[in-house]
């Protein structure tokens, strides 16, 4: 009889470990309007580096003029596996997070899976202002998400076809 009572308990403990182990990974890949995981827009570069999410420092687009932004890959030892993205700092503060793989948004937009039309529809249904515009210079469509028609951009996306290939907060970085 004691063997029977311990088996269900062991099964519940094992199931709890599996569930609790999976939840943080999903939460860590949620791209919010202010950041992802421990990275928050506006945080200092030193605080962002201390998260362990950033690696491989480079310079940003030279066409913006000096001083050049500082860019890191979001692939540090503590970053979730499968993420492919960058963090851009300007004036020592985190200004842009951009991802080409491994993230999703609260309304279910996923890089590489969601169409431009579906993204616009989902954000409009959630009460945001969403628009999409094809820009010939970049041979692709940019999606812009705002709270109000004239408010600041909160989220951006880029698609060279019909499927979102880049998600970024607050906007997709480009180097013309």
Foldseek 3Di string as FASTA:
>chain_A
DVVVVVVVVVVVVVVVVVVVVPVVLQQQQAQELQGGDPDGFFDFPVVVVVVQQWDDWDWAFCVVPPPTWIKTWRHGPPRRPWWTWMFTHDPRTTHKIKTQTRHAYPLGAHHPPDFLVRVCVSLVVVQWHKDWDQDVVVQWIKIFTGNDPPHDTRKMFIDNDGGTRMIMGRYDDDHD
